[in-house]
Amino acid sequence: MIQSKDEQKKASVSAKVTPDRLRQIYDILEDEQIPFEAVVKKVGRGIREITIVADANNIDHFKNMLV
């Protein structure tokens, strides 16, 4: 059975990063072809948490990006 785009399962991955690392991630994501959503929160002094949500079958791609 083929699922429509709206029915595909979503997954998320998050990481706590420095502002410098966050800028590097933004640069990578700017040219990203795989659809995703990203949310960034300040969690401490000089620390940001980025959460990326994408189709479950693509989430490993984003996990590797955040390492």
Protein backbone atom coordinates (compact mmCIF):
# COMPACT_ATOMS: atom_id res chain seq x y z
CA MET A 1 0.00 0.00 0.00
CA ILE A 2 1.34 3.44 -0.91
CA GLN A 3 0.87 6.22 1.62
CA SER A 4 0.18 9.76 0.58
CA LYS A 5 2.62 12.43 1.64
CA ASP A 6 0.32 13.50 4.49
CA GLU A 7 0.08 9.93 5.83
CA GLN A 8 3.82 9.22 6.01
CA LYS A 9 5.17 8.81 9.53
CA LYS A 10 7.24 11.65 10.90
CA ALA A 11 10.24 11.39 13.20
CA SER A 12 12.40 13.94 14.95
CA VAL A 13 15.97 14.33 16.04
CA SER A 14 17.42 17.04 18.27
CA ALA A 15 20.76 18.21 19.53
CA LYS A 16 22.12 20.88 21.85
CA VAL A 17 24.68 22.98 20.01
CA THR A 18 26.67 26.18 20.29
CA PRO A 19 25.63 29.20 18.20
CA ASP A 20 28.65 28.64 15.94
CA ARG A 21 27.64 25.03 15.29
CA LEU A 22 24.05 26.15 14.71
CA ARG A 23 25.26 28.51 11.95
CA GLN A 24 27.12 25.60 10.34
CA ILE A 25 23.94 23.49 10.45
CA TYR A 26 21.94 26.37 8.92
CA ASP A 27 24.45 26.55 6.08
CA ILE A 28 24.02 22.83 5.41
CA LEU A 29 20.22 22.99 5.65
CA GLU A 30 20.01 25.95 3.28
CA ASP A 31 20.68 23.67 0.29
CA GLU A 32 18.84 20.62 1.66
CA GLN A 33 16.58 18.91 -0.89
CA ILE A 34 14.79 16.58 1.57
CA PRO A 35 11.71 18.25 3.13
CA PHE A 36 12.03 19.02 6.86
CA GLU A 37 10.91 21.37 9.61
CA ALA A 38 13.31 22.82 12.15
CA VAL A 39 12.74 24.49 15.52
CA VAL A 40 15.47 26.19 17.53
CA LYS A 41 15.21 27.05 21.23
CA LYS A 42 17.61 28.72 23.61
CA VAL A 43 18.17 26.29 26.47
CA GLY A 44 21.06 27.93 28.28
CA ARG A 45 23.75 30.52 28.01
CA GLY A 46 25.43 29.89 24.66
CA ILE A 47 23.46 26.69 24.05
CA ARG A 48 20.69 26.16 21.51
CA GLU A 49 18.57 23.07 20.94
CA ILE A 50 17.68 22.35 17.34
CA THR A 51 14.92 19.85 16.55
CA ILE A 52 14.42 18.61 13.01
CA VAL A 53 11.22 16.84 11.97
CA ALA A 54 11.12 14.86 8.72
CA ASP A 55 9.70 11.70 7.22
CA ALA A 56 10.81 8.73 9.30
CA ASN A 57 12.63 7.15 6.36
CA ASN A 58 14.84 10.28 6.05
CA ILE A 59 15.58 10.95 9.71
CA ASP A 60 18.96 9.14 9.73
CA HIS A 61 20.18 11.66 7.15
CA PHE A 62 19.44 14.48 9.60
CA LYS A 63 20.87 12.58 12.58
CA ASN A 64 24.20 12.39 10.78
CA MET A 65 24.05 16.12 10.13
CA LEU A 66 23.66 16.95 13.83
CA VAL A 67 26.59 14.82 14.98
